[in-house]
Amino acid sequence: MNRTYTIVVVLLLAVFAVPQGLKAQNTIINDISEPYVDKLINTAKLNYPHIKSLDSRLTVAKNNVSRSKISYLDALTFSYVYQPSTTLNLNTLQPGTTDGSVGTNNRTSLFSGTQFGLFFNLGSYLQKPYAVKQAKQELSIANNEIQEYLLTLTTQVKKRYYMYVQKLAALKLQSQAAIDGESVLKDIKYRFEKGEETLDTYTKARINQTQQNQAKITAEADLFMAKADLEELLGEKLENIK
């Protein structure tokens, strides 16, 4: 009779070893929210530091294009000279003086007034189209880099979110398995104390429950690590994103 009951108990352990949640739910598709995924992606685009660096680089590239276009004016140089109609020379000796005293001598300039000049540097001007073209290419590269990284960031957020959902579902299943194992252990312990069950069966039940609890702890740690990996991209706590 005891052997027959032992077989029944072992079968029960096998049944309870399969989490009840797994029998009721064998997919995580219903737990995934695409609108929520979009919110996570937008949050990552706003907060992730590398995106901010690429945005700054793109702004610099745009400014360089504008600066290179304006630099066409560098080929032109404007200058002016003011020349009065008369000048006063204090270092010229007055006629008839022999004592070395300093006198004044007024000189009339041939060209007087303000003179303006505009100079054109042909070599500098011919270099400007190449500078503008290079600045535009740098702008295109910066724009391509940020677009490429946005695609990469989007994929990474999705992957880590799906992993988080998977670990969350695994924890739920393992928690249910631990609860079921605890119920089996209590039943076997009760029968063992009444002398209706062997020590070997009771020991196996306890070992099974210990393994279930350890698996639950591992599932909890996996969930926390998946959450941390996702929040690394988001730059914000997952709970703050509704």
Protein backbone atom coordinates (compact mmCIF):
# COMPACT_ATOMS: atom_id res chain seq x y z
CA MET A 1 0.00 0.00 0.00
CA ASN A 2 2.81 2.39 0.91
CA ARG A 3 4.57 1.69 -2.36
CA THR A 4 1.41 2.45 -4.30
CA TYR A 5 0.94 5.70 -2.42
CA THR A 6 4.58 6.60 -3.03
CA ILE A 7 4.08 6.22 -6.76
CA VAL A 8 1.04 8.46 -6.55
CA VAL A 9 3.01 11.08 -4.63
CA VAL A 10 5.83 11.01 -7.15
CA LEU A 11 3.31 11.51 -9.94
CA LEU A 12 1.84 14.45 -8.03
CA LEU A 13 5.29 15.96 -7.70
CA ALA A 14 5.78 15.63 -11.43
CA VAL A 15 2.46 17.34 -12.05
CA PHE A 16 3.15 20.16 -9.61
CA ALA A 17 6.66 20.58 -11.00
CA VAL A 18 4.97 21.99 -14.12
CA PRO A 19 3.87 25.49 -13.09
CA GLN A 20 0.13 26.04 -13.16
CA GLY A 21 0.67 29.37 -14.85
CA LEU A 22 2.45 27.60 -17.69
CA LYS A 23 -0.56 25.41 -18.32
CA ALA A 24 -2.81 28.44 -18.28
CA GLN A 25 -0.48 30.76 -20.21
CA ASN A 26 2.10 29.52 -22.70
CA THR A 27 2.77 32.81 -24.50
CA ILE A 28 3.97 36.32 -23.68
CA ILE A 29 2.49 37.92 -26.78
CA ASN A 30 -0.52 39.21 -24.86
CA ASP A 31 1.82 40.90 -22.35
CA ILE A 32 3.59 42.97 -25.02
CA SER A 33 2.23 46.45 -25.69
CA GLU A 34 3.46 48.05 -28.89
CA PRO A 35 2.29 51.57 -27.88
CA TYR A 36 4.29 51.16 -24.68
CA VAL A 37 7.30 50.03 -26.71
CA ASP A 38 7.01 53.25 -28.75
CA LYS A 39 7.03 55.27 -25.52
CA LEU A 40 10.17 53.48 -24.40
CA ILE A 41 11.87 54.16 -27.73
CA ASN A 42 10.97 57.86 -27.64
CA THR A 43 12.24 58.10 -24.06
CA ALA A 44 15.55 56.51 -25.06
CA LYS A 45 15.91 58.92 -27.98
CA LEU A 46 15.47 61.86 -25.62
CA ASN A 47 17.68 60.68 -22.78
CA TYR A 48 20.43 58.43 -24.11
CA PRO A 49 23.74 60.38 -23.93
CA HIS A 50 25.15 59.16 -27.26
CA ILE A 51 22.08 60.49 -29.08
CA LYS A 52 22.71 63.89 -27.52
CA SER A 53 26.33 63.77 -28.69
CA LEU A 54 25.26 62.93 -32.24
CA ASP A 55 22.70 65.76 -32.17
CA SER A 56 25.43 68.20 -31.12
CA ARG A 57 27.68 66.93 -33.90
CA LEU A 58 24.87 67.42 -36.39
CA THR A 59 24.34 70.99 -35.19
CA VAL A 60 28.05 71.74 -35.58
CA ALA A 61 27.98 70.33 -39.12
CA LYS A 62 25.01 72.56 -40.02
CA ASN A 63 26.80 75.60 -38.64
CA ASN A 64 29.90 74.73 -40.65
CA VAL A 65 27.86 74.69 -43.86
CA SER A 66 26.46 78.15 -43.11
CA ARG A 67 29.91 79.43 -42.15
CA SER A 68 31.51 78.08 -45.32
CA LYS A 69 28.88 79.79 -47.47
CA ILE A 70 29.43 83.13 -45.78
CA SER A 71 33.21 82.72 -46.13
CA TYR A 72 32.91 83.71 -49.81
CA LEU A 73 33.13 87.25 -48.51
CA ASP A 74 36.60 86.53 -47.12
CA ALA A 75 37.99 86.97 -50.64
CA LEU A 76 37.04 90.66 -50.44
CA THR A 77 39.12 93.01 -48.32
CA PHE A 78 37.98 96.54 -47.57
CA SER A 79 40.36 99.21 -46.35
CA TYR A 80 40.57 102.98 -46.07
CA VAL A 81 43.25 105.58 -45.40
CA TYR A 82 42.71 109.10 -44.09
CA GLN A 83 45.21 111.66 -45.36
CA PRO A 84 44.83 115.28 -44.18
CA SER A 85 45.44 118.13 -46.65
CA THR A 86 48.47 119.40 -44.64
CA THR A 87 50.82 117.70 -42.21
CA LEU A 88 52.84 119.16 -39.36
CA ASN A 89 56.46 118.03 -39.18
CA LEU A 90 57.97 118.86 -35.76
CA ASN A 91 61.40 117.47 -36.56
CA THR A 92 62.27 119.94 -39.37
CA LEU A 93 64.54 122.93 -38.61
CA GLN A 94 63.17 126.33 -39.44
CA PRO A 95 65.14 128.12 -42.19
CA GLY A 96 67.83 130.41 -40.76
CA THR A 97 68.11 128.69 -37.38
CA THR A 98 71.54 127.40 -36.36
CA ASP A 99 70.99 126.53 -32.72
CA GLY A 100 69.42 123.19 -33.44
CA SER A 101 66.03 124.23 -32.11
CA VAL A 102 63.05 122.32 -33.37
CA GLY A 103 60.67 124.18 -35.51
CA THR A 104 57.56 123.39 -37.47
CA ASN A 105 57.08 122.93 -41.14
CA ASN A 106 53.72 122.55 -42.85
CA ARG A 107 53.63 120.24 -45.89
CA THR A 108 50.83 120.02 -48.41
CA SER A 109 49.83 116.48 -49.50
CA LEU A 110 49.13 115.70 -53.10
CA PHE A 111 46.30 113.31 -52.12
CA SER A 112 44.19 114.42 -49.19
CA GLY A 113 41.02 113.29 -47.49
CA THR A 114 39.78 109.72 -46.98
CA GLN A 115 40.74 107.05 -49.51
CA PHE A 116 38.84 103.76 -49.77
CA GLY A 117 40.03 100.48 -51.25
CA LEU A 118 38.39 97.13 -52.10
CA PHE A 119 40.67 94.18 -52.84
CA PHE A 120 39.70 90.79 -54.31
CA ASN A 121 41.70 87.60 -53.59
CA LEU A 122 41.08 85.27 -56.50
CA GLY A 123 42.91 82.29 -54.96
CA SER A 124 40.87 82.46 -51.79
CA TYR A 125 37.66 82.77 -53.77
CA LEU A 126 38.40 79.66 -55.86
CA GLN A 127 38.92 77.58 -52.71
CA LYS A 128 35.47 78.37 -51.29
CA PRO A 129 33.38 75.92 -53.42
CA TYR A 130 35.51 73.03 -52.20
CA ALA A 131 35.12 74.17 -48.60
CA VAL A 132 31.34 74.38 -49.00
CA LYS A 133 31.21 70.95 -50.63
CA GLN A 134 33.26 69.41 -47.84
CA ALA A 135 31.06 71.01 -45.17
CA LYS A 136 27.95 69.60 -46.86
CA GLN A 137 29.51 66.14 -46.99
CA GLU A 138 30.34 66.33 -43.30
CA LEU A 139 26.73 67.34 -42.63
CA SER A 140 25.49 64.35 -44.63
CA ILE A 141 27.79 62.01 -42.71
CA ALA A 142 26.63 63.38 -39.37
CA ASN A 143 22.99 63.00 -40.41
CA ASN A 144 23.56 59.43 -41.59
CA GLU A 145 25.31 58.54 -38.36
CA ILE A 146 22.44 59.72 -36.22
CA GLN A 147 19.86 57.99 -38.40
CA GLU A 148 21.84 54.76 -38.25
CA TYR A 149 22.18 54.94 -34.48
CA LEU A 150 18.49 55.69 -34.05
CA LEU A 151 17.73 52.43 -35.85
CA THR A 152 20.22 50.59 -33.65
CA LEU A 153 18.81 52.16 -30.48
CA THR A 154 15.25 51.27 -31.52
CA THR A 155 16.24 47.64 -32.03
CA GLN A 156 18.10 47.49 -28.73
CA VAL A 157 15.16 48.94 -26.78
CA LYS A 158 12.80 46.41 -28.34
CA LYS A 159 15.12 43.48 -27.62
CA ARG A 160 15.65 44.47 -24.00
CA TYR A 161 11.95 45.13 -23.48
CA TYR A 162 11.02 41.72 -24.87
CA MET A 163 13.67 40.14 -22.64
CA TYR A 164 12.22 41.98 -19.65
CA VAL A 165 8.73 40.72 -20.45
CA GLN A 166 10.09 37.19 -20.84
CA LYS A 167 11.87 37.31 -17.48
CA LEU A 168 8.74 38.72 -15.84
CA ALA A 169 6.64 35.87 -17.21
CA ALA A 170 9.27 33.33 -16.15
CA LEU A 171 9.20 34.70 -12.60
CA LYS A 172 5.42 34.40 -12.47
CA LEU A 173 5.61 30.78 -13.59
CA GLN A 174 8.38 29.94 -11.15
CA SER A 175 6.56 31.65 -8.28
CA GLN A 176 3.49 29.52 -9.00
CA ALA A 177 5.69 26.42 -9.13
CA ALA A 178 7.10 27.27 -5.70
CA ILE A 179 3.60 27.72 -4.29
CA ASP A 180 2.47 24.39 -5.75
CA GLY A 181 5.55 22.64 -4.41
CA GLU A 182 4.91 24.06 -0.98
CA SER A 183 1.38 22.61 -1.01
CA VAL A 184 2.71 19.17 -1.94
CA LEU A 185 5.37 19.37 0.76
CA LYS A 186 2.80 20.25 3.44
CA ASP A 187 0.62 17.30 2.41
CA ILE A 188 3.52 14.83 2.48
CA LYS A 189 4.79 16.20 5.77
CA TYR A 190 1.35 15.75 7.32
CA ARG A 191 1.18 12.14 6.15
CA PHE A 192 4.77 11.49 7.22
CA GLU A 193 4.05 12.71 10.74
CA LYS A 194 1.06 10.36 10.87
CA GLY A 195 3.23 7.48 9.76
CA GLU A 196 1.50 7.17 6.40
CA GLU A 197 4.50 8.21 4.33
CA THR A 198 8.15 7.16 4.22
CA LEU A 199 11.12 9.34 5.11
CA ASP A 200 12.50 8.95 1.59
CA THR A 201 9.39 10.47 0.01
CA TYR A 202 9.33 13.29 2.54
CA THR A 203 13.02 14.01 1.89
CA LYS A 204 12.47 14.11 -1.88
CA ALA A 205 9.59 16.54 -1.40
CA ARG A 206 11.76 18.84 0.68
CA ILE A 207 14.57 18.72 -1.89
CA ASN A 208 12.09 19.52 -4.65
CA GLN A 209 10.77 22.52 -2.72
CA THR A 210 14.28 23.80 -2.09
CA GLN A 211 15.04 23.59 -5.80
CA GLN A 212 11.83 25.44 -6.62
CA ASN A 213 12.73 28.23 -4.19
CA GLN A 214 16.24 28.51 -5.62
CA ALA A 215 14.83 28.67 -9.14
CA LYS A 216 12.49 31.44 -8.01
CA ILE A 217 15.38 33.46 -6.59
CA THR A 218 17.28 33.02 -9.86
CA ALA A 219 14.22 34.16 -11.83
CA GLU A 220 13.96 37.27 -9.63
CA ALA A 221 17.62 38.12 -10.24
CA ASP A 222 17.18 37.61 -13.98
CA LEU A 223 14.21 39.99 -13.95
CA PHE A 224 16.15 42.69 -12.08
CA MET A 225 19.08 42.42 -14.51
CA ALA A 226 16.77 42.61 -17.53
CA LYS A 227 15.12 45.69 -16.03
CA ALA A 228 18.51 47.33 -15.40
CA ASP A 229 19.62 46.63 -18.97
CA LEU A 230 16.46 48.25 -20.32
CA GLU A 231 16.71 51.29 -18.02
CA GLU A 232 20.31 51.79 -19.17
CA LEU A 233 18.96 52.77 -22.59
CA LEU A 234 15.99 54.69 -21.26
CA GLY A 235 17.91 56.89 -18.86
CA GLU A 236 14.91 56.70 -16.55
CA LYS A 237 13.17 54.29 -14.20
CA LEU A 238 10.76 51.97 -15.97
CA GLU A 239 8.09 52.77 -13.40
CA ASN A 240 8.13 56.43 -14.41
CA ILE A 241 7.13 55.66 -17.99
CA LYS A 242 3.38 55.13 -18.19
